[in-house]
Amino acid sequence: MKTNKKLNPKRVIKEFDKRALRRKGIAKVLSDRFGIELNKSFDKFCYSFIKKYFPKKMGNVADIGTGMGRLAKYFSQKCNRLIGIDFSEKMLTMANNYLKGKDNVTLIYNDAVDVDFLPKYFDLGVVSLVLKHNNTTRAIKIIKKLKKWCKKVLLIEHITGGTSGSDISIMRTKSWYLKQFKPMKPVATQLFKRDKDVVLFSIFQ
């Protein structure tokens, strides 16, 4: 694990702004490094996991690093209010278009480490494929905020995979995430595996 690797937030923002401009819609979930078949497989696994563990209506949901709004759209149908936060303005522009008409959705253009909410304000916090794009100091800050704000947290994150060579990604182990989320406990955990990719799905409570 590259614990000392430093990721410049401005560089990460620039990269995600580029990705937003390159994409022709909302179909892709993972980096452009992967083919469409991997995305379809990931999508199927992702939504199966979410539907299994979050079948009922919730109160407030936070979506950290909401990106293009794909998970925000699903959870907006399951909650009273959803707040999505992202520091890529162009990604949020796509999310605004994708979530148009969702009156219970508020999108905030800001860095998650610079915002705050009341303790346990959210029934659920969602952080999907986000922490790997933050250096260790920032990742820990985001996790601490999620533990403060949320009654439950849904973590979706690469622990090995094709993005390991990316200069805006850090692969961290499953045990690292379990340690950082303490005293919250993983109440459900599954791994998505395909080729070199392993993505951790875990719900902390």
Protein backbone atom coordinates (compact mmCIF):
# COMPACT_ATOMS: atom_id res chain seq x y z
CA MET A 1 0.00 0.00 0.00
CA LYS A 2 1.37 3.40 -1.01
CA THR A 3 0.73 5.22 2.24
CA ASN A 4 3.06 8.14 1.49
CA LYS A 5 1.92 8.86 -2.03
CA LYS A 6 0.63 12.42 -2.30
CA LEU A 7 -2.32 13.26 -4.49
CA ASN A 8 -2.78 16.91 -5.31
CA PRO A 9 -6.54 17.66 -5.13
CA LYS A 10 -6.23 20.19 -7.98
CA ARG A 11 -4.69 17.51 -10.18
CA VAL A 12 -7.46 15.06 -9.32
CA ILE A 13 -10.13 17.69 -10.05
CA LYS A 14 -8.51 18.45 -13.40
CA GLU A 15 -8.52 14.75 -14.31
CA PHE A 16 -12.18 14.28 -13.40
CA ASP A 17 -13.17 17.42 -15.29
CA LYS A 18 -11.46 15.87 -18.33
CA ARG A 19 -13.31 12.59 -17.82
CA ALA A 20 -16.61 14.42 -17.63
CA LEU A 21 -15.90 16.13 -20.94
CA ARG A 22 -14.82 12.86 -22.63
CA ARG A 23 -17.87 10.83 -21.70
CA LYS A 24 -20.91 10.67 -23.94
CA GLY A 25 -23.41 9.89 -21.18
CA ILE A 26 -23.79 8.17 -17.86
CA ALA A 27 -23.05 4.57 -18.92
CA LYS A 28 -19.48 4.27 -17.64
CA VAL A 29 -18.94 3.71 -13.92
CA LEU A 30 -15.24 2.98 -13.71
CA SER A 31 -12.24 4.66 -15.29
CA ASP A 32 -11.90 4.71 -19.06
CA ARG A 33 -9.15 2.13 -18.51
CA PHE A 34 -11.86 -0.55 -18.41
CA GLY A 35 -14.06 -1.95 -21.15
CA ILE A 36 -17.82 -1.68 -21.31
CA GLU A 37 -18.31 -5.36 -20.38
CA LEU A 38 -16.53 -4.81 -17.08
CA ASN A 39 -18.75 -1.82 -16.43
CA LYS A 40 -21.88 -3.87 -17.08
CA SER A 41 -20.68 -6.61 -14.77
CA PHE A 42 -19.83 -4.09 -12.07
CA ASP A 43 -23.20 -2.35 -12.46
CA LYS A 44 -25.09 -5.61 -12.07
CA PHE A 45 -23.17 -6.54 -8.92
CA CYS A 46 -23.46 -3.03 -7.49
CA TYR A 47 -27.20 -2.70 -7.86
CA SER A 48 -27.82 -6.22 -6.66
CA PHE A 49 -25.91 -5.44 -3.45
CA ILE A 50 -27.68 -2.12 -2.94
CA LYS A 51 -31.17 -3.52 -3.52
CA LYS A 52 -30.50 -6.39 -1.15
CA TYR A 53 -29.36 -4.27 1.78
CA PHE A 54 -31.28 -1.03 1.20
CA PRO A 55 -34.79 -2.06 0.17
CA LYS A 56 -36.66 0.35 2.43
CA LYS A 57 -37.29 4.08 2.56
CA MET A 58 -34.74 6.17 4.45
CA GLY A 59 -34.51 9.70 5.79
CA ASN A 60 -31.41 11.66 4.70
CA VAL A 61 -28.59 10.31 2.52
CA ALA A 62 -25.15 11.85 1.84
CA ASP A 63 -23.36 10.93 -1.39
CA ILE A 64 -19.69 11.90 -1.08
CA GLY A 65 -17.97 12.32 -4.44
CA THR A 66 -21.29 11.99 -6.21
CA GLY A 67 -19.69 12.24 -9.66
CA MET A 68 -22.27 11.91 -12.43
CA GLY A 69 -25.00 11.02 -9.97
CA ARG A 70 -25.60 7.38 -10.79
CA LEU A 71 -25.90 6.14 -7.21
CA ALA A 72 -27.53 9.40 -6.18
CA LYS A 73 -30.35 8.70 -8.64
CA TYR A 74 -31.05 5.29 -7.12
CA PHE A 75 -30.89 6.47 -3.51
CA SER A 76 -32.99 9.56 -4.26
CA GLN A 77 -35.87 7.14 -4.88
CA LYS A 78 -35.29 5.59 -1.45
CA CYS A 79 -34.84 8.64 0.77
CA ASN A 80 -36.53 11.85 1.86
CA ARG A 81 -33.51 13.99 1.04
CA LEU A 82 -30.18 13.36 -0.68
CA ILE A 83 -27.19 15.69 -0.53
CA GLY A 84 -24.45 15.04 -3.08
CA ILE A 85 -21.01 16.61 -2.75
CA ASP A 86 -18.28 16.76 -5.40
CA PHE A 87 -15.29 19.00 -6.08
CA SER A 88 -15.43 18.54 -9.87
CA GLU A 89 -17.67 21.24 -11.30
CA LYS A 90 -18.02 19.48 -14.64
CA MET A 91 -19.01 16.19 -13.01
CA LEU A 92 -21.69 18.05 -11.03
CA THR A 93 -22.94 19.66 -14.26
CA MET A 94 -23.54 16.14 -15.61
CA ALA A 95 -25.15 15.13 -12.32
CA ASN A 96 -27.49 18.13 -12.44
CA ASN A 97 -28.66 17.06 -15.89
CA TYR A 98 -28.96 13.40 -14.91
CA LEU A 99 -30.90 14.19 -11.72
CA LYS A 100 -33.11 16.86 -13.25
CA GLY A 101 -36.56 16.81 -11.70
CA LYS A 102 -35.41 15.16 -8.46
CA ASP A 103 -36.73 17.74 -6.02
CA ASN A 104 -35.32 15.95 -2.99
CA VAL A 105 -31.71 16.17 -4.28
CA THR A 106 -29.29 18.96 -3.37
CA LEU A 107 -25.88 19.01 -5.06
CA ILE A 108 -23.02 20.89 -3.42
CA TYR A 109 -19.92 21.99 -5.33
CA ASN A 110 -17.28 21.70 -2.64
CA ASP A 111 -14.55 19.53 -1.16
CA ALA A 112 -15.91 17.01 1.36
CA VAL A 113 -13.10 17.84 3.79
CA ASP A 114 -14.31 21.46 3.90
CA VAL A 115 -17.99 20.90 4.70
CA ASP A 116 -19.72 19.79 7.88
CA PHE A 117 -23.11 18.51 9.06
CA LEU A 118 -24.71 17.75 12.39
CA PRO A 119 -23.83 14.44 14.06
CA LYS A 120 -25.93 11.53 12.78
CA TYR A 121 -27.83 13.84 10.43
CA PHE A 122 -27.77 11.18 7.71
CA ASP A 123 -29.30 7.72 7.86
CA LEU A 124 -26.73 6.69 5.25
CA GLY A 125 -23.48 7.98 3.83
CA VAL A 126 -22.35 6.70 0.42
CA VAL A 127 -18.70 6.88 -0.65
CA SER A 128 -18.08 5.02 -3.91
CA LEU A 129 -14.71 4.84 -5.70
CA VAL A 130 -13.69 8.10 -4.06
CA LEU A 131 -11.21 7.45 -1.26
CA LYS A 132 -8.61 5.93 -3.62
CA HIS A 133 -8.35 9.35 -5.27
CA ASN A 134 -7.38 11.01 -1.98
CA ASN A 135 -4.06 10.87 -0.18
CA THR A 136 -4.08 9.08 3.16
CA THR A 137 -4.50 12.22 5.25
CA ARG A 138 -7.52 13.35 3.23
CA ALA A 139 -9.03 9.85 3.10
CA ILE A 140 -8.90 9.56 6.89
CA LYS A 141 -10.50 13.01 7.27
CA ILE A 142 -13.38 12.00 4.99
CA ILE A 143 -13.90 8.74 6.87
CA LYS A 144 -13.95 10.59 10.20
CA LYS A 145 -16.60 12.94 8.86
CA LEU A 146 -18.71 10.05 7.60
CA LYS A 147 -18.52 8.38 11.00
CA LYS A 148 -19.64 11.63 12.62
CA TRP A 149 -22.45 12.45 10.19
CA CYS A 150 -23.93 9.04 9.37
CA LYS A 151 -25.72 6.21 11.14
CA LYS A 152 -24.56 3.84 8.40
CA VAL A 153 -21.93 4.09 5.66
CA LEU A 154 -21.85 2.27 2.33
CA LEU A 155 -18.25 1.97 1.14
CA ILE A 156 -17.47 0.87 -2.42
CA GLU A 157 -13.76 0.92 -3.14
CA HIS A 158 -11.01 -0.75 -5.16
CA ILE A 159 -8.58 -2.76 -3.06
CA THR A 160 -6.70 -4.20 -6.07
CA GLY A 161 -7.06 -3.64 -9.76
CA GLY A 162 -6.20 -2.02 -13.03
CA THR A 163 -6.20 1.46 -11.50
CA SER A 164 -3.24 0.55 -9.30
CA GLY A 165 -0.95 2.14 -11.89
CA SER A 166 -2.93 5.36 -12.07
CA ASP A 167 -1.15 8.45 -10.79
CA ILE A 168 -4.38 9.60 -9.13
CA SER A 169 -5.15 6.37 -7.29
CA ILE A 170 -3.94 4.62 -4.15
CA MET A 171 -4.90 0.99 -3.53
CA ARG A 172 -5.58 0.30 0.16
CA THR A 173 -6.36 -3.03 1.77
CA LYS A 174 -9.64 -4.28 3.15
CA SER A 175 -8.07 -4.38 6.63
CA TRP A 176 -7.05 -0.73 6.30
CA TYR A 177 -10.67 0.32 5.70
CA LEU A 178 -11.98 -1.88 8.50
CA LYS A 179 -9.50 -0.26 10.88
CA GLN A 180 -10.28 3.32 9.83
CA PHE A 181 -14.05 2.87 10.21
CA LYS A 182 -13.81 1.65 13.82
CA PRO A 183 -15.73 1.80 16.11
CA MET A 184 -18.28 1.24 13.33
CA LYS A 185 -18.53 -2.42 12.40
CA PRO A 186 -18.99 -4.04 8.98
CA VAL A 187 -22.48 -5.51 9.02
CA ALA A 188 -22.31 -6.70 5.39
CA THR A 189 -19.29 -7.22 3.16
CA GLN A 190 -18.86 -8.61 -0.35
CA LEU A 191 -16.12 -8.51 -2.98
CA PHE A 192 -16.60 -7.89 -6.68
CA LYS A 193 -13.91 -9.77 -8.61
CA ARG A 194 -13.06 -9.72 -12.28
CA ASP A 195 -9.66 -10.15 -13.88
CA LYS A 196 -7.25 -8.02 -11.82
CA ASP A 197 -10.00 -6.02 -10.15
CA VAL A 198 -11.26 -6.49 -6.63
CA VAL A 199 -13.78 -3.97 -5.33
CA LEU A 200 -14.82 -3.97 -1.70
CA PHE A 201 -18.51 -3.46 -0.88
CA SER A 202 -19.03 -2.92 2.83
CA ILE A 203 -21.75 -1.45 5.04
CA PHE A 204 -20.58 0.00 8.34
CA GLN A 205 -22.86 0.68 11.29
